[in-house]
Amino acid sequence: MDDLTARDRAHLGAIEATFPGWRVVVDRGWWWATKHVPPTPEQRAAGVLHQFARQGPYEMVAALTVQLGILARMGAA
């Protein structure tokens, strides 16, 4: 994660501030999100992931937004 550009660091900080229920790291060019609290069986059945990767910050924001939407529909966001 030390080889991030200033822009990537800014994206990472903004993503973590916007989605506090997730830890986001960048490893070998991939952006990984891990949910702080593992999803319940019901959340998993609805499509909530415990961990996933995306190729960049914009893709990560899109995926986290989907995850937040699922949780919100379940009343758990």
PDB file of N, CA and C in Angstrom:
ATOM      1  N   MET A   1       0.816  -1.179   0.000  1.00  0.00           N
ATOM      2  CA  MET A   1       0.000   0.000   0.000  1.00  0.00           C
ATOM      3  C   MET A   1       0.868   1.253   0.000  1.00  0.00           C
ATOM      4  N   ASP A   2       2.158   1.117   0.238  1.00  0.00           N
ATOM      5  CA  ASP A   2       3.042   2.269   0.280  1.00  0.00           C
ATOM      6  C   ASP A   2       3.279   2.879  -1.092  1.00  0.00           C
ATOM      7  N   ASP A   3       2.987   2.155  -2.158  1.00  0.00           N
ATOM      8  CA  ASP A   3       3.250   2.665  -3.492  1.00  0.00           C
ATOM      9  C   ASP A   3       2.047   3.399  -4.090  1.00  0.00           C
ATOM     10  N   LEU A   4       1.081   3.777  -3.253  1.00  0.00           N
ATOM     11  CA  LEU A   4      -0.088   4.509  -3.735  1.00  0.00           C
ATOM     12  C   LEU A   4       0.278   5.934  -4.113  1.00  0.00           C
ATOM     13  N   THR A   5      -0.382   6.427  -5.132  1.00  0.00           N
ATOM     14  CA  THR A   5      -0.205   7.832  -5.495  1.00  0.00           C
ATOM     15  C   THR A   5      -0.982   8.693  -4.507  1.00  0.00           C
ATOM     16  N   ALA A   6      -0.697   9.973  -4.506  1.00  0.00           N
ATOM     17  CA  ALA A   6      -1.437  10.896  -3.640  1.00  0.00           C
ATOM     18  C   ALA A   6      -2.924  10.860  -3.982  1.00  0.00           C
ATOM     19  N   ARG A   7      -3.230  10.727  -5.246  1.00  0.00           N
ATOM     20  CA  ARG A   7      -4.630  10.664  -5.681  1.00  0.00           C
ATOM     21  C   ARG A   7      -5.299   9.395  -5.150  1.00  0.00           C
ATOM     22  N   ASP A   8      -4.600   8.250  -5.228  1.00  0.00           N
ATOM     23  CA  ASP A   8      -5.153   7.008  -4.692  1.00  0.00           C
ATOM     24  C   ASP A   8      -5.372   7.112  -3.187  1.00  0.00           C
ATOM     25  N   ARG A   9      -4.427   7.719  -2.477  1.00  0.00           N
ATOM     26  CA  ARG A   9      -4.583   7.901  -1.030  1.00  0.00           C
ATOM     27  C   ARG A   9      -5.803   8.761  -0.724  1.00  0.00           C
ATOM     28  N   ALA A  10      -6.017   9.806  -1.530  1.00  0.00           N
ATOM     29  CA  ALA A  10      -7.186  10.666  -1.333  1.00  0.00           C
ATOM     30  C   ALA A  10      -8.470   9.881  -1.594  1.00  0.00           C
ATOM     31  N   HIS A  11      -8.471   9.082  -2.661  1.00  0.00           N
ATOM     32  CA  HIS A  11      -9.642   8.236  -2.946  1.00  0.00           C
ATOM     33  C   HIS A  11      -9.899   7.271  -1.791  1.00  0.00           C
ATOM     34  N   LEU A  12      -8.841   6.629  -1.316  1.00  0.00           N
ATOM     35  CA  LEU A  12      -8.962   5.654  -0.239  1.00  0.00           C
ATOM     36  C   LEU A  12      -9.558   6.306   1.011  1.00  0.00           C
ATOM     37  N   GLY A  13      -9.059   7.462   1.386  1.00  0.00           N
ATOM     38  CA  GLY A  13      -9.590   8.171   2.556  1.00  0.00           C
ATOM     39  C   GLY A  13     -11.052   8.539   2.388  1.00  0.00           C
ATOM     40  N   ALA A  14     -11.420   9.001   1.200  1.00  0.00           N
ATOM     41  CA  ALA A  14     -12.811   9.379   0.942  1.00  0.00           C
ATOM     42  C   ALA A  14     -13.726   8.157   0.977  1.00  0.00           C
ATOM     43  N   ILE A  15     -13.265   7.057   0.421  1.00  0.00           N
ATOM     44  CA  ILE A  15     -14.067   5.826   0.419  1.00  0.00           C
ATOM     45  C   ILE A  15     -14.282   5.338   1.842  1.00  0.00           C
ATOM     46  N   GLU A  16     -13.238   5.293   2.633  1.00  0.00           N
ATOM     47  CA  GLU A  16     -13.377   4.813   4.008  1.00  0.00           C
ATOM     48  C   GLU A  16     -14.251   5.742   4.844  1.00  0.00           C
ATOM     49  N   ALA A  17     -14.193   7.050   4.582  1.00  0.00           N
ATOM     50  CA  ALA A  17     -15.045   7.995   5.312  1.00  0.00           C
ATOM     51  C   ALA A  17     -16.511   7.842   4.901  1.00  0.00           C
ATOM     52  N   THR A  18     -16.747   7.513   3.642  1.00  0.00           N
ATOM     53  CA  THR A  18     -18.108   7.386   3.122  1.00  0.00           C
ATOM     54  C   THR A  18     -18.741   6.051   3.493  1.00  0.00           C
ATOM     55  N   PHE A  19     -17.923   5.013   3.599  1.00  0.00           N
ATOM     56  CA  PHE A  19     -18.410   3.659   3.893  1.00  0.00           C
ATOM     57  C   PHE A  19     -17.709   3.133   5.151  1.00  0.00           C
ATOM     58  N   PRO A  20     -18.082   3.672   6.331  1.00  0.00           N
ATOM     59  CA  PRO A  20     -17.338   3.316   7.552  1.00  0.00           C
ATOM     60  C   PRO A  20     -17.476   1.867   7.991  1.00  0.00           C
ATOM     61  N   GLY A  21     -18.414   1.136   7.451  1.00  0.00           N
ATOM     62  CA  GLY A  21     -18.581  -0.268   7.828  1.00  0.00           C
ATOM     63  C   GLY A  21     -17.621  -1.198   7.122  1.00  0.00           C
ATOM     64  N   TRP A  22     -16.744  -0.621   6.293  1.00  0.00           N
ATOM     65  CA  TRP A  22     -15.835  -1.419   5.474  1.00  0.00           C
ATOM     66  C   TRP A  22     -14.402  -0.952   5.653  1.00  0.00           C
ATOM     67  N   ARG A  23     -13.488  -1.882   5.604  1.00  0.00           N
ATOM     68  CA  ARG A  23     -12.051  -1.569   5.556  1.00  0.00           C
ATOM     69  C   ARG A  23     -11.633  -1.739   4.103  1.00  0.00           C
ATOM     70  N   VAL A  24     -11.003  -0.729   3.552  1.00  0.00           N
ATOM     71  CA  VAL A  24     -10.597  -0.772   2.148  1.00  0.00           C
ATOM     72  C   VAL A  24      -9.077  -0.649   2.082  1.00  0.00           C
ATOM     73  N   VAL A  25      -8.459  -1.539   1.335  1.00  0.00           N
ATOM     74  CA  VAL A  25      -7.010  -1.512   1.125  1.00  0.00           C
ATOM     75  C   VAL A  25      -6.736  -1.712  -0.360  1.00  0.00           C
ATOM     76  N   VAL A  26      -5.545  -1.313  -0.755  1.00  0.00           N
ATOM     77  CA  VAL A  26      -5.097  -1.534  -2.128  1.00  0.00           C
ATOM     78  C   VAL A  26      -3.903  -2.474  -2.067  1.00  0.00           C
ATOM     79  N   ASP A  27      -3.993  -3.566  -2.807  1.00  0.00           N
ATOM     80  CA  ASP A  27      -2.929  -4.564  -2.808  1.00  0.00           C
ATOM     81  C   ASP A  27      -2.637  -4.981  -4.245  1.00  0.00           C
ATOM     82  N   ARG A  28      -1.428  -4.712  -4.679  1.00  0.00           N
ATOM     83  CA  ARG A  28      -0.974  -5.051  -6.030  1.00  0.00           C
ATOM     84  C   ARG A  28      -1.931  -4.556  -7.114  1.00  0.00           C
ATOM     85  N   GLY A  29      -2.418  -3.339  -6.923  1.00  0.00           N
ATOM     86  CA  GLY A  29      -3.275  -2.715  -7.914  1.00  0.00           C
ATOM     87  C   GLY A  29      -4.752  -2.992  -7.772  1.00  0.00           C
ATOM     88  N   TRP A  30      -5.132  -3.920  -6.907  1.00  0.00           N
ATOM     89  CA  TRP A  30      -6.542  -4.244  -6.687  1.00  0.00           C
ATOM     90  C   TRP A  30      -7.027  -3.572  -5.415  1.00  0.00           C
ATOM     91  N   TRP A  31      -8.227  -3.070  -5.446  1.00  0.00           N
ATOM     92  CA  TRP A  31      -8.864  -2.429  -4.301  1.00  0.00           C
ATOM     93  C   TRP A  31      -9.754  -3.474  -3.618  1.00  0.00           C
ATOM     94  N   TRP A  32      -9.447  -3.758  -2.348  1.00  0.00           N
ATOM     95  CA  TRP A  32     -10.162  -4.776  -1.588  1.00  0.00           C
ATOM     96  C   TRP A  32     -10.997  -4.130  -0.490  1.00  0.00           C
ATOM     97  N   ALA A  33     -12.222  -4.609  -0.331  1.00  0.00           N
ATOM     98  CA  ALA A  33     -13.086  -4.156   0.761  1.00  0.00           C
ATOM     99  C   ALA A  33     -13.444  -5.360   1.615  1.00  0.00           C
ATOM    100  N   THR A  34     -13.363  -5.179   2.919  1.00  0.00           N
ATOM    101  CA  THR A  34     -13.754  -6.206   3.870  1.00  0.00           C
ATOM    102  C   THR A  34     -14.728  -5.576   4.857  1.00  0.00           C
ATOM    103  N   LYS A  35     -15.879  -6.204   5.002  1.00  0.00           N
ATOM    104  CA  LYS A  35     -16.892  -5.700   5.934  1.00  0.00           C
ATOM    105  C   LYS A  35     -16.389  -5.922   7.359  1.00  0.00           C
ATOM    106  N   HIS A  36     -16.457  -4.860   8.188  1.00  0.00           N
ATOM    107  CA  HIS A  36     -15.977  -4.973   9.568  1.00  0.00           C
ATOM    108  C   HIS A  36     -16.715  -6.065  10.333  1.00  0.00           C
ATOM    109  N   VAL A  37     -18.023  -6.138  10.160  1.00  0.00           N
ATOM    110  CA  VAL A  37     -18.835  -7.161  10.814  1.00  0.00           C
ATOM    111  C   VAL A  37     -19.305  -8.112   9.717  1.00  0.00           C
ATOM    112  N   PRO A  38     -18.927  -9.368   9.801  1.00  0.00           N
ATOM    113  CA  PRO A  38     -19.343 -10.304   8.747  1.00  0.00           C
ATOM    114  C   PRO A  38     -20.858 -10.305   8.571  1.00  0.00           C
ATOM    115  N   PRO A  39     -21.314 -10.471   7.339  1.00  0.00           N
ATOM    116  CA  PRO A  39     -22.762 -10.475   7.115  1.00  0.00           C
ATOM    117  C   PRO A  39     -23.422 -11.687   7.764  1.00  0.00           C
ATOM    118  N   THR A  40     -24.669 -11.475   8.169  1.00  0.00           N
ATOM    119  CA  THR A  40     -25.465 -12.562   8.723  1.00  0.00           C
ATOM    120  C   THR A  40     -25.850 -13.504   7.582  1.00  0.00           C
ATOM    121  N   PRO A  41     -26.323 -14.691   7.907  1.00  0.00           N
ATOM    122  CA  PRO A  41     -26.791 -15.582   6.840  1.00  0.00           C
ATOM    123  C   PRO A  41     -27.872 -14.925   5.967  1.00  0.00           C
ATOM    124  N   GLU A  42     -28.765 -14.163   6.582  1.00  0.00           N
ATOM    125  CA  GLU A  42     -29.809 -13.479   5.820  1.00  0.00           C
ATOM    126  C   GLU A  42     -29.209 -12.432   4.883  1.00  0.00           C
ATOM    127  N   GLN A  43     -28.220 -11.688   5.378  1.00  0.00           N
ATOM    128  CA  GLN A  43     -27.563 -10.688   4.540  1.00  0.00           C
ATOM    129  C   GLN A  43     -26.812 -11.356   3.391  1.00  0.00           C
ATOM    130  N   ARG A  44     -26.136 -12.455   3.666  1.00  0.00           N
ATOM    131  CA  ARG A  44     -25.425 -13.182   2.605  1.00  0.00           C
ATOM    132  C   ARG A  44     -26.403 -13.656   1.540  1.00  0.00           C
ATOM    133  N   ALA A  45     -27.546 -14.180   1.988  1.00  0.00           N
ATOM    134  CA  ALA A  45     -28.560 -14.653   1.041  1.00  0.00           C
ATOM    135  C   ALA A  45     -29.086 -13.509   0.170  1.00  0.00           C
ATOM    136  N   ALA A  46     -29.082 -12.292   0.709  1.00  0.00           N
ATOM    137  CA  ALA A  46     -29.558 -11.129  -0.039  1.00  0.00           C
ATOM    138  C   ALA A  46     -28.479 -10.562  -0.961  1.00  0.00           C
ATOM    139  N   GLY A  47     -27.230 -11.031  -0.814  1.00  0.00           N
ATOM    140  CA  GLY A  47     -26.156 -10.580  -1.683  1.00  0.00           C
ATOM    141  C   GLY A  47     -25.065  -9.764  -1.035  1.00  0.00           C
ATOM    142  N   VAL A  48     -25.105  -9.635   0.289  1.00  0.00           N
ATOM    143  CA  VAL A  48     -24.048  -8.893   0.982  1.00  0.00           C
ATOM    144  C   VAL A  48     -22.798  -9.764   1.029  1.00  0.00           C
ATOM    145  N   LEU A  49     -21.686  -9.193   0.633  1.00  0.00           N
ATOM    146  CA  LEU A  49     -20.404  -9.902   0.607  1.00  0.00           C
ATOM    147  C   LEU A  49     -19.573  -9.538   1.826  1.00  0.00           C
ATOM    148  N   HIS A  50     -18.784 -10.481   2.302  1.00  0.00           N
ATOM    149  CA  HIS A  50     -17.862 -10.182   3.405  1.00  0.00           C
ATOM    150  C   HIS A  50     -16.610  -9.484   2.873  1.00  0.00           C
ATOM    151  N   GLN A  51     -16.156  -9.894   1.694  1.00  0.00           N
ATOM    152  CA  GLN A  51     -14.955  -9.308   1.107  1.00  0.00           C
ATOM    153  C   GLN A  51     -15.046  -9.421  -0.412  1.00  0.00           C
ATOM    154  N   PHE A  52     -14.525  -8.400  -1.081  1.00  0.00           N
ATOM    155  CA  PHE A  52     -14.474  -8.441  -2.544  1.00  0.00           C
ATOM    156  C   PHE A  52     -13.413  -7.468  -3.038  1.00  0.00           C
ATOM    157  N   ALA A  53     -13.049  -7.624  -4.292  1.00  0.00           N
ATOM    158  CA  ALA A  53     -12.023  -6.769  -4.905  1.00  0.00           C
ATOM    159  C   ALA A  53     -12.580  -6.120  -6.167  1.00  0.00           C
ATOM    160  N   ARG A  54     -12.061  -4.957  -6.466  1.00  0.00           N
ATOM    161  CA  ARG A  54     -12.375  -4.258  -7.705  1.00  0.00           C
ATOM    162  C   ARG A  54     -11.078  -3.659  -8.248  1.00  0.00           C
ATOM    163  N   GLN A  55     -11.102  -3.287  -9.519  1.00  0.00           N
ATOM    164  CA  GLN A  55      -9.877  -2.831 -10.178  1.00  0.00           C
ATOM    165  C   GLN A  55      -9.486  -1.396  -9.874  1.00  0.00           C
ATOM    166  N   GLY A  56     -10.377  -0.600  -9.363  1.00  0.00           N
ATOM    167  CA  GLY A  56     -10.029   0.786  -9.094  1.00  0.00           C
ATOM    168  C   GLY A  56     -10.998   1.434  -8.130  1.00  0.00           C
ATOM    169  N   PRO A  57     -10.734   2.685  -7.759  1.00  0.00           N
ATOM    170  CA  PRO A  57     -11.564   3.354  -6.756  1.00  0.00           C
ATOM    171  C   PRO A  57     -12.998   3.586  -7.221  1.00  0.00           C
ATOM    172  N   TYR A  58     -13.199   3.878  -8.492  1.00  0.00           N
ATOM    173  CA  TYR A  58     -14.559   4.140  -8.976  1.00  0.00           C
ATOM    174  C   TYR A  58     -15.396   2.866  -8.970  1.00  0.00           C
ATOM    175  N   GLU A  59     -14.775   1.765  -9.369  1.00  0.00           N
ATOM    176  CA  GLU A  59     -15.454   0.476  -9.320  1.00  0.00           C
ATOM    177  C   GLU A  59     -15.761   0.073  -7.873  1.00  0.00           C
ATOM    178  N   MET A  60     -14.834   0.401  -6.956  1.00  0.00           N
ATOM    179  CA  MET A  60     -15.052   0.086  -5.549  1.00  0.00           C
ATOM    180  C   MET A  60     -16.224   0.880  -4.995  1.00  0.00           C
ATOM    181  N   VAL A  61     -16.296   2.161  -5.314  1.00  0.00           N
ATOM    182  CA  VAL A  61     -17.413   2.980  -4.838  1.00  0.00           C
ATOM    183  C   VAL A  61     -18.737   2.420  -5.371  1.00  0.00           C
ATOM    184  N   ALA A  62     -18.769   2.043  -6.640  1.00  0.00           N
ATOM    185  CA  ALA A  62     -19.993   1.479  -7.216  1.00  0.00           C
ATOM    186  C   ALA A  62     -20.401   0.205  -6.484  1.00  0.00           C
ATOM    187  N   ALA A  63     -19.443  -0.684  -6.227  1.00  0.00           N
ATOM    188  CA  ALA A  63     -19.747  -1.947  -5.554  1.00  0.00           C
ATOM    189  C   ALA A  63     -20.179  -1.719  -4.104  1.00  0.00           C
ATOM    190  N   LEU A  64     -19.517  -0.810  -3.406  1.00  0.00           N
ATOM    191  CA  LEU A  64     -19.907  -0.517  -2.029  1.00  0.00           C
ATOM    192  C   LEU A  64     -21.288   0.127  -1.967  1.00  0.00           C
ATOM    193  N   THR A  65     -21.618   0.931  -2.956  1.00  0.00           N
ATOM    194  CA  THR A  65     -22.945   1.532  -3.016  1.00  0.00           C
ATOM    195  C   THR A  65     -24.018   0.456  -3.174  1.00  0.00           C
ATOM    196  N   VAL A  66     -23.737  -0.543  -3.993  1.00  0.00           N
ATOM    197  CA  VAL A  66     -24.662  -1.675  -4.137  1.00  0.00           C
ATOM    198  C   VAL A  66     -24.813  -2.391  -2.799  1.00  0.00           C
ATOM    199  N   GLN A  67     -23.708  -2.647  -2.122  1.00  0.00           N
ATOM    200  CA  GLN A  67     -23.760  -3.329  -0.831  1.00  0.00           C
ATOM    201  C   GLN A  67     -24.571  -2.527   0.178  1.00  0.00           C
ATOM    202  N   LEU A  68     -24.347  -1.220   0.219  1.00  0.00           N
ATOM    203  CA  LEU A  68     -25.090  -0.357   1.131  1.00  0.00           C
ATOM    204  C   LEU A  68     -26.575  -0.373   0.800  1.00  0.00           C
ATOM    205  N   GLY A  69     -26.912  -0.396  -0.484  1.00  0.00           N
ATOM    206  CA  GLY A  69     -28.306  -0.463  -0.893  1.00  0.00           C
ATOM    207  C   GLY A  69     -28.987  -1.741  -0.418  1.00  0.00           C
ATOM    208  N   ILE A  70     -28.293  -2.856  -0.546  1.00  0.00           N
ATOM    209  CA  ILE A  70     -28.853  -4.129  -0.057  1.00  0.00           C
ATOM    210  C   ILE A  70     -29.117  -4.035   1.440  1.00  0.00           C
ATOM    211  N   LEU A  71     -28.120  -3.550   2.178  1.00  0.00           N
ATOM    212  CA  LEU A  71     -28.279  -3.426   3.637  1.00  0.00           C
ATOM    213  C   LEU A  71     -29.396  -2.465   3.998  1.00  0.00           C
ATOM    214  N   ALA A  72     -29.522  -1.378   3.266  1.00  0.00           N
ATOM    215  CA  ALA A  72     -30.579  -0.392   3.552  1.00  0.00           C
ATOM    216  C   ALA A  72     -31.959  -1.009   3.329  1.00  0.00           C
ATOM    217  N   ARG A  73     -32.110  -1.769   2.253  1.00  0.00           N
ATOM    218  CA  ARG A  73     -33.395  -2.423   1.983  1.00  0.00           C
ATOM    219  C   ARG A  73     -33.741  -3.424   3.088  1.00  0.00           C
ATOM    220  N   MET A  74     -32.720  -3.969   3.717  1.00  0.00           N
ATOM    221  CA  MET A  74     -32.946  -4.926   4.804  1.00  0.00           C
ATOM    222  C   MET A  74     -33.121  -4.226   6.147  1.00  0.00           C
ATOM    223  N   GLY A  75     -32.935  -2.913   6.168  1.00  0.00           N
ATOM    224  CA  GLY A  75     -33.032  -2.161   7.412  1.00  0.00           C
ATOM    225  C   GLY A  75     -31.799  -2.260   8.279  1.00  0.00           C
ATOM    226  N   ALA A  76     -30.662  -2.628   7.661  1.00  0.00           N
ATOM    227  CA  ALA A  76     -29.441  -2.850   8.434  1.00  0.00           C
ATOM    228  C   ALA A  76     -28.331  -1.854   8.117  1.00  0.00           C
ATOM    229  N   ALA A  77     -28.602  -0.844   7.322  1.00  0.00           N
ATOM    230  CA  ALA A  77     -27.532   0.090   6.926  1.00  0.00           C
ATOM    231  C   ALA A  77     -27.259   1.101   8.011  1.00  0.00           C
TER     232      ALA A  77
END
